[in-house]
Amino acid sequence: MIFSSHYPDHSLMVAHKALLLLKDSHLFGLAQDILNSENLKELFKIDFIKKEILGQSRILPKWDYALGENKKYD
């Protein structure tokens, strides 16, 4: 099955492999390897955090940074 999403967290939860289409290149491989903070920042131009939540890996945008506020996530 192939599906398209603009929500990397959804992809990380259900996909085994991922393809990121960047401006001048692409990345393909295991979702857990491809969907990381560095790659997603290059694609979306905002910061992401990767956390374990209830035993599952999640990757979420740092919305406060995207909105111009300066908060820290730990």
Protein backbone atom coordinates (compact mmCIF):
# COMPACT_ATOMS: atom_id res chain seq x y z
CA MET A 1 0.00 0.00 0.00
CA ILE A 2 1.22 3.50 -0.81
CA PHE A 3 -0.18 6.60 0.86
CA SER A 4 0.70 10.26 0.86
CA SER A 5 0.71 12.44 3.95
CA HIS A 6 1.82 15.89 5.06
CA TYR A 7 1.82 14.60 8.66
CA PRO A 8 5.15 12.84 9.32
CA ASP A 9 3.89 11.59 12.69
CA HIS A 10 1.09 9.62 11.00
CA SER A 11 3.60 8.12 8.59
CA LEU A 12 5.96 7.18 11.40
CA MET A 13 3.12 5.41 13.24
CA VAL A 14 1.95 3.24 10.33
CA ALA A 15 4.62 3.07 7.61
CA HIS A 16 7.50 0.65 7.36
CA LYS A 17 9.28 2.70 4.67
CA ALA A 18 9.18 6.39 3.77
CA LEU A 19 10.00 8.56 0.79
CA LEU A 20 10.70 12.28 1.34
CA LEU A 21 10.62 14.44 -1.77
CA LEU A 22 12.99 17.34 -1.14
CA LYS A 23 13.58 20.33 -3.40
CA ASP A 24 16.56 18.88 -5.31
CA SER A 25 16.69 15.29 -4.07
CA HIS A 26 14.81 12.55 -2.29
CA LEU A 27 15.33 10.23 0.68
CA PHE A 28 14.01 6.67 0.83
CA GLY A 29 14.39 4.00 3.49
CA LEU A 30 12.99 2.77 6.78
CA ALA A 31 10.49 5.26 8.18
CA GLN A 32 12.23 5.29 11.57
CA ASP A 33 15.48 6.33 9.86
CA ILE A 34 14.13 8.79 7.27
CA LEU A 35 11.54 10.59 9.42
CA ASN A 36 13.93 12.34 11.78
CA SER A 37 14.20 15.92 13.02
CA GLU A 38 17.02 16.87 10.66
CA ASN A 39 15.35 15.61 7.47
CA LEU A 40 11.96 17.04 8.37
CA LYS A 41 13.44 20.45 9.21
CA GLU A 42 15.01 20.52 5.74
CA LEU A 43 11.64 19.70 4.17
CA PHE A 44 9.24 21.81 6.26
CA LYS A 45 11.64 24.57 7.46
CA ILE A 46 10.53 24.18 11.11
CA ASP A 47 11.98 22.25 14.05
CA PHE A 48 10.66 18.84 15.09
CA ILE A 49 11.06 16.75 18.24
CA LYS A 50 11.13 12.95 18.37
CA LYS A 51 9.78 11.40 21.58
CA GLU A 52 8.62 8.05 22.93
CA ILE A 53 4.98 8.39 23.96
CA LEU A 54 3.25 5.35 25.45
CA GLY A 55 5.95 3.11 24.01
CA GLN A 56 5.64 4.46 20.47
CA SER A 57 8.03 6.75 18.61
CA ARG A 58 6.41 10.08 17.69
CA ILE A 59 7.75 13.01 15.67
CA LEU A 60 6.04 16.32 16.31
CA PRO A 61 6.58 19.90 15.17
CA LYS A 62 7.78 22.48 17.67
CA TRP A 63 4.80 24.74 17.03
CA ASP A 64 5.88 27.43 19.46
CA TYR A 65 9.12 27.89 17.47
CA ALA A 66 7.17 27.97 14.22
CA LEU A 67 4.92 30.68 15.69
CA GLY A 68 7.86 32.76 16.91
CA GLU A 69 7.70 31.96 20.63
CA ASN A 70 10.88 30.80 22.33
CA LYS A 71 10.04 27.80 24.55
CA LYS A 72 12.13 24.70 25.20
CA TYR A 73 11.10 21.05 25.00
CA ASP A 74 12.92 18.53 27.20
